[in-house]
Amino acid sequence: MPKITAETAAGTVAFEADAGRKLVLCLEDEGIDILHRCGGNAKCTTCRVEITAGDPGPIGDAEKTVLSSKTDLGDHTRLSCQVRINDDLHLKVISQASVAGMDAGTRPEE
């Protein structure tokens, strides 16, 4: 099982995740209140993460399009709703519901 290490507003959380699952769901299931305002449809960037180590896999067209529309994102920014776990990952969670003071959004589908 791949190991995920996530830097969050509350500290670092490390856990194992099932290969093939969406990263956003793995984070949420570990109690990390990551935002996902569009419900996991690659329409917004609230679930974005910065991948600092590991291979998040290929970037799809929908993710590439929405990320290219933003000018304030780093080169290692990915949408956690579009990343399927296939490798150990170390990442920074960018937006959390508890920090933003809002509801996380509709839970993305598996």
N, C-alpha and C. Protein backbone atom coordinates (compact mmCIF):
# COMPACT_ATOMS: atom_id res chain seq x y z
N MET A 1 0.83 -1.19 0.00
CA MET A 1 0.00 0.00 0.00
C MET A 1 0.88 1.25 0.00
N PRO A 2 0.56 2.19 -0.85
CA PRO A 2 1.33 3.44 -0.87
C PRO A 2 1.15 4.22 0.44
N LYS A 3 2.19 4.93 0.82
CA LYS A 3 2.16 5.76 2.02
C LYS A 3 2.00 7.22 1.60
N ILE A 4 1.06 7.89 2.26
CA ILE A 4 0.80 9.31 2.01
C ILE A 4 1.24 10.09 3.24
N THR A 5 2.03 11.11 3.04
CA THR A 5 2.41 12.02 4.12
C THR A 5 1.90 13.39 3.73
N ALA A 6 0.95 13.90 4.53
CA ALA A 6 0.28 15.16 4.21
C ALA A 6 0.59 16.21 5.27
N GLU A 7 1.11 17.34 4.83
CA GLU A 7 1.32 18.48 5.71
C GLU A 7 0.03 19.29 5.72
N THR A 8 -0.56 19.45 6.90
CA THR A 8 -1.85 20.14 7.03
C THR A 8 -1.70 21.30 8.01
N ALA A 9 -2.76 22.07 8.16
CA ALA A 9 -2.77 23.18 9.11
C ALA A 9 -2.59 22.70 10.54
N ALA A 10 -2.98 21.46 10.81
CA ALA A 10 -2.89 20.90 12.16
C ALA A 10 -1.63 20.06 12.38
N GLY A 11 -0.77 19.98 11.38
CA GLY A 11 0.44 19.18 11.50
C GLY A 11 0.52 18.14 10.39
N THR A 12 1.51 17.27 10.49
CA THR A 12 1.75 16.25 9.48
C THR A 12 0.98 14.98 9.82
N VAL A 13 0.32 14.43 8.81
CA VAL A 13 -0.44 13.19 8.95
C VAL A 13 0.13 12.18 7.96
N ALA A 14 0.47 10.99 8.44
CA ALA A 14 0.99 9.94 7.57
C ALA A 14 0.07 8.73 7.67
N PHE A 15 -0.21 8.13 6.52
CA PHE A 15 -1.12 6.98 6.49
C PHE A 15 -0.90 6.19 5.22
N GLU A 16 -1.41 4.97 5.20
CA GLU A 16 -1.37 4.15 4.00
C GLU A 16 -2.69 4.29 3.27
N ALA A 17 -2.63 4.20 1.94
CA ALA A 17 -3.83 4.37 1.12
C ALA A 17 -3.91 3.25 0.09
N ASP A 18 -5.12 2.90 -0.26
CA ASP A 18 -5.33 1.88 -1.29
C ASP A 18 -4.94 2.43 -2.66
N ALA A 19 -4.15 1.67 -3.38
CA ALA A 19 -3.78 2.06 -4.74
C ALA A 19 -5.03 2.18 -5.59
N GLY A 20 -5.07 3.20 -6.44
CA GLY A 20 -6.18 3.40 -7.35
C GLY A 20 -7.26 4.34 -6.84
N ARG A 21 -7.26 4.63 -5.53
CA ARG A 21 -8.29 5.54 -4.98
C ARG A 21 -7.92 6.99 -5.25
N LYS A 22 -8.95 7.84 -5.29
CA LYS A 22 -8.71 9.27 -5.44
C LYS A 22 -8.05 9.82 -4.18
N LEU A 23 -7.04 10.64 -4.37
CA LEU A 23 -6.31 11.23 -3.26
C LEU A 23 -7.23 12.02 -2.34
N VAL A 24 -8.16 12.80 -2.89
CA VAL A 24 -9.05 13.62 -2.07
C VAL A 24 -9.84 12.76 -1.09
N LEU A 25 -10.29 11.58 -1.51
CA LEU A 25 -11.06 10.70 -0.64
C LEU A 25 -10.18 10.09 0.44
N CYS A 26 -8.96 9.75 0.08
CA CYS A 26 -8.02 9.20 1.07
C CYS A 26 -7.73 10.23 2.16
N LEU A 27 -7.51 11.48 1.75
CA LEU A 27 -7.26 12.54 2.71
C LEU A 27 -8.46 12.74 3.63
N GLU A 28 -9.63 12.83 3.04
CA GLU A 28 -10.85 13.05 3.83
C GLU A 28 -11.11 11.89 4.78
N ASP A 29 -10.89 10.67 4.33
CA ASP A 29 -11.11 9.50 5.18
C ASP A 29 -10.13 9.43 6.34
N GLU A 30 -9.01 10.14 6.24
CA GLU A 30 -8.05 10.22 7.34
C GLU A 30 -8.34 11.40 8.26
N GLY A 31 -9.46 12.08 8.04
CA GLY A 31 -9.86 13.18 8.91
C GLY A 31 -9.31 14.54 8.50
N ILE A 32 -8.70 14.62 7.34
CA ILE A 32 -8.19 15.90 6.83
C ILE A 32 -9.33 16.58 6.09
N ASP A 33 -9.70 17.75 6.54
CA ASP A 33 -10.87 18.45 6.01
C ASP A 33 -10.54 19.29 4.78
N ILE A 34 -10.05 18.62 3.75
CA ILE A 34 -9.68 19.29 2.50
C ILE A 34 -10.95 19.80 1.80
N LEU A 35 -10.84 20.98 1.24
CA LEU A 35 -11.96 21.53 0.48
C LEU A 35 -12.09 20.79 -0.85
N HIS A 36 -13.32 20.67 -1.32
CA HIS A 36 -13.61 20.09 -2.63
C HIS A 36 -14.97 20.62 -3.07
N ARG A 37 -15.00 21.91 -3.33
CA ARG A 37 -16.25 22.63 -3.57
C ARG A 37 -17.01 22.19 -4.82
N CYS A 38 -16.34 21.63 -5.82
CA CYS A 38 -17.05 21.23 -7.04
C CYS A 38 -17.43 19.75 -7.01
N GLY A 39 -17.18 19.09 -5.90
CA GLY A 39 -17.55 17.68 -5.79
C GLY A 39 -16.65 16.72 -6.54
N GLY A 40 -15.43 17.15 -6.81
CA GLY A 40 -14.47 16.26 -7.47
C GLY A 40 -14.55 16.22 -8.97
N ASN A 41 -15.03 17.29 -9.59
CA ASN A 41 -15.22 17.31 -11.04
C ASN A 41 -14.21 18.14 -11.81
N ALA A 42 -13.10 18.50 -11.19
CA ALA A 42 -12.04 19.29 -11.84
C ALA A 42 -12.58 20.61 -12.39
N LYS A 43 -13.50 21.23 -11.67
CA LYS A 43 -14.08 22.51 -12.10
C LYS A 43 -13.53 23.68 -11.29
N CYS A 44 -12.95 23.39 -10.12
CA CYS A 44 -12.39 24.45 -9.27
C CYS A 44 -10.99 24.02 -8.85
N THR A 45 -10.38 24.74 -7.99
CA THR A 45 -9.04 24.33 -7.53
C THR A 45 -8.99 24.28 -6.00
N THR A 46 -10.13 24.12 -5.35
CA THR A 46 -10.12 24.13 -3.88
C THR A 46 -9.47 22.88 -3.29
N CYS A 47 -9.42 21.79 -4.02
CA CYS A 47 -8.82 20.56 -3.48
C CYS A 47 -7.34 20.44 -3.87
N ARG A 48 -6.76 21.52 -4.30
CA ARG A 48 -5.38 21.45 -4.79
C ARG A 48 -4.40 21.10 -3.67
N VAL A 49 -3.37 20.43 -4.06
CA VAL A 49 -2.27 20.06 -3.17
C VAL A 49 -0.97 20.35 -3.90
N GLU A 50 0.08 20.51 -3.12
CA GLU A 50 1.41 20.65 -3.71
C GLU A 50 2.14 19.34 -3.45
N ILE A 51 2.50 18.64 -4.50
CA ILE A 51 3.21 17.37 -4.39
C ILE A 51 4.69 17.70 -4.22
N THR A 52 5.26 17.32 -3.08
CA THR A 52 6.67 17.61 -2.82
C THR A 52 7.57 16.40 -3.05
N ALA A 53 6.98 15.20 -3.10
CA ALA A 53 7.75 13.99 -3.41
C ALA A 53 6.79 12.90 -3.86
N GLY A 54 7.26 12.05 -4.75
CA GLY A 54 6.46 10.95 -5.26
C GLY A 54 5.87 11.27 -6.62
N ASP A 55 5.26 10.24 -7.21
CA ASP A 55 4.69 10.36 -8.55
C ASP A 55 3.17 10.35 -8.46
N PRO A 56 2.52 11.51 -8.73
CA PRO A 56 1.06 11.56 -8.67
C PRO A 56 0.38 11.03 -9.93
N GLY A 57 1.15 10.55 -10.88
CA GLY A 57 0.59 10.02 -12.11
C GLY A 57 0.36 11.11 -13.15
N PRO A 58 -0.14 10.71 -14.29
CA PRO A 58 -0.35 11.66 -15.39
C PRO A 58 -1.46 12.66 -15.08
N ILE A 59 -1.36 13.81 -15.71
CA ILE A 59 -2.38 14.84 -15.55
C ILE A 59 -3.33 14.75 -16.75
N GLY A 60 -4.63 14.70 -16.45
CA GLY A 60 -5.63 14.60 -17.51
C GLY A 60 -5.98 15.96 -18.09
N ASP A 61 -6.73 15.92 -19.18
CA ASP A 61 -7.10 17.16 -19.88
C ASP A 61 -7.92 18.11 -19.01
N ALA A 62 -8.92 17.60 -18.28
CA ALA A 62 -9.77 18.46 -17.46
C ALA A 62 -8.95 19.16 -16.38
N GLU A 63 -8.06 18.42 -15.74
CA GLU A 63 -7.21 19.00 -14.70
C GLU A 63 -6.25 20.03 -15.30
N LYS A 64 -5.65 19.68 -16.41
CA LYS A 64 -4.71 20.58 -17.08
C LYS A 64 -5.40 21.90 -17.45
N THR A 65 -6.62 21.81 -17.93
CA THR A 65 -7.36 23.01 -18.34
C THR A 65 -7.63 23.92 -17.16
N VAL A 66 -8.15 23.38 -16.06
CA VAL A 66 -8.48 24.24 -14.92
C VAL A 66 -7.21 24.79 -14.26
N LEU A 67 -6.16 24.01 -14.18
CA LEU A 67 -4.91 24.52 -13.59
C LEU A 67 -4.28 25.60 -14.46
N SER A 68 -4.40 25.47 -15.78
CA SER A 68 -3.80 26.48 -16.66
C SER A 68 -4.55 27.80 -16.62
N SER A 69 -5.76 27.79 -16.08
CA SER A 69 -6.54 29.03 -15.98
C SER A 69 -6.15 29.86 -14.76
N LYS A 70 -5.30 29.32 -13.90
CA LYS A 70 -4.87 30.02 -12.69
C LYS A 70 -3.42 30.45 -12.85
N THR A 71 -3.10 31.63 -12.36
CA THR A 71 -1.73 32.13 -12.50
C THR A 71 -0.92 32.04 -11.21
N ASP A 72 -1.58 31.73 -10.10
CA ASP A 72 -0.90 31.74 -8.80
C ASP A 72 -0.55 30.35 -8.28
N LEU A 73 -0.49 29.34 -9.14
CA LEU A 73 -0.22 27.97 -8.73
C LEU A 73 1.20 27.56 -9.09
N GLY A 74 1.81 26.77 -8.22
CA GLY A 74 3.16 26.30 -8.47
C GLY A 74 3.21 25.15 -9.47
N ASP A 75 4.41 24.81 -9.89
CA ASP A 75 4.62 23.75 -10.88
C ASP A 75 4.21 22.36 -10.39
N HIS A 76 4.18 22.17 -9.08
CA HIS A 76 3.88 20.85 -8.52
C HIS A 76 2.47 20.78 -7.95
N THR A 77 1.62 21.72 -8.36
CA THR A 77 0.24 21.75 -7.90
C THR A 77 -0.59 20.75 -8.70
N ARG A 78 -1.38 19.97 -7.97
CA ARG A 78 -2.31 19.02 -8.59
C ARG A 78 -3.65 19.12 -7.89
N LEU A 79 -4.70 18.67 -8.55
CA LEU A 79 -6.02 18.59 -7.96
C LEU A 79 -6.16 17.20 -7.34
N SER A 80 -6.38 17.16 -6.04
CA SER A 80 -6.43 15.86 -5.36
C SER A 80 -7.62 15.02 -5.81
N CYS A 81 -8.64 15.66 -6.39
CA CYS A 81 -9.79 14.90 -6.90
C CYS A 81 -9.46 14.19 -8.21
N GLN A 82 -8.35 14.52 -8.82
CA GLN A 82 -7.98 13.93 -10.11
C GLN A 82 -6.78 12.99 -10.00
N VAL A 83 -6.13 12.97 -8.83
CA VAL A 83 -4.97 12.11 -8.62
C VAL A 83 -5.42 10.76 -8.10
N ARG A 84 -5.03 9.71 -8.79
CA ARG A 84 -5.26 8.33 -8.34
C ARG A 84 -3.96 7.84 -7.71
N ILE A 85 -4.06 7.35 -6.50
CA ILE A 85 -2.88 6.90 -5.75
C ILE A 85 -2.21 5.74 -6.48
N ASN A 86 -0.92 5.87 -6.76
CA ASN A 86 -0.16 4.78 -7.36
C ASN A 86 1.27 4.72 -6.83
N ASP A 87 1.61 5.64 -5.91
CA ASP A 87 2.98 5.74 -5.42
C ASP A 87 2.94 6.41 -4.06
N ASP A 88 4.01 6.26 -3.28
CA ASP A 88 4.13 7.03 -2.05
C ASP A 88 4.14 8.51 -2.43
N LEU A 89 3.44 9.32 -1.65
CA LEU A 89 3.37 10.76 -1.92
C LEU A 89 3.62 11.56 -0.66
N HIS A 90 4.32 12.65 -0.80
CA HIS A 90 4.46 13.66 0.26
C HIS A 90 3.87 14.92 -0.32
N LEU A 91 2.96 15.55 0.42
CA LEU A 91 2.25 16.69 -0.14
C LEU A 91 1.86 17.70 0.93
N LYS A 92 1.53 18.89 0.47
CA LYS A 92 1.00 19.94 1.31
C LYS A 92 -0.45 20.17 0.90
N VAL A 93 -1.36 20.14 1.89
CA VAL A 93 -2.77 20.43 1.63
C VAL A 93 -2.90 21.95 1.63
N ILE A 94 -3.42 22.50 0.56
CA ILE A 94 -3.46 23.96 0.39
C ILE A 94 -4.68 24.58 1.09
N SER A 95 -5.87 24.02 0.91
CA SER A 95 -7.09 24.63 1.45
C SER A 95 -7.88 23.64 2.29
N GLN A 96 -8.11 24.01 3.54
CA GLN A 96 -8.88 23.17 4.45
C GLN A 96 -10.12 23.92 4.93
N ALA A 97 -11.20 23.18 5.11
CA ALA A 97 -12.47 23.76 5.53
C ALA A 97 -12.34 24.49 6.86
N SER A 98 -11.60 23.91 7.81
CA SER A 98 -11.46 24.52 9.13
C SER A 98 -10.71 25.84 9.07
N VAL A 99 -9.80 25.98 8.15
CA VAL A 99 -9.04 27.22 8.01
C VAL A 99 -9.87 28.26 7.25
N ALA A 100 -10.57 27.81 6.21
CA ALA A 100 -11.37 28.71 5.38
C ALA A 100 -12.69 29.11 6.05
N GLY A 101 -13.11 28.35 7.06
CA GLY A 101 -14.36 28.65 7.74
C GLY A 101 -15.58 28.35 6.89
N MET A 102 -15.50 27.28 6.09
CA MET A 102 -16.63 26.92 5.23
C MET A 102 -16.78 25.41 5.19
N ASP A 103 -17.91 24.98 4.66
CA ASP A 103 -18.19 23.57 4.46
C ASP A 103 -17.23 23.03 3.39
N ALA A 104 -16.78 21.81 3.55
CA ALA A 104 -15.81 21.23 2.62
C ALA A 104 -16.37 21.10 1.19
N GLY A 105 -17.66 20.87 1.07
CA GLY A 105 -18.28 20.67 -0.24
C GLY A 105 -18.79 19.26 -0.38
N THR A 106 -19.45 18.98 -1.49
CA THR A 106 -20.00 17.65 -1.76
C THR A 106 -18.87 16.64 -1.91
N ARG A 107 -19.01 15.51 -1.20
CA ARG A 107 -17.97 14.49 -1.27
C ARG A 107 -17.87 13.93 -2.69
N PRO A 108 -16.66 13.92 -3.23
CA PRO A 108 -16.48 13.34 -4.56
C PRO A 108 -16.82 11.85 -4.58
N GLU A 109 -17.20 11.35 -5.74
CA GLU A 109 -17.49 9.93 -5.91
C GLU A 109 -16.18 9.14 -6.00
N GLU A 110 -16.27 7.86 -5.67
CA GLU A 110 -15.10 6.98 -5.82
C GLU A 110 -14.72 6.97 -7.24
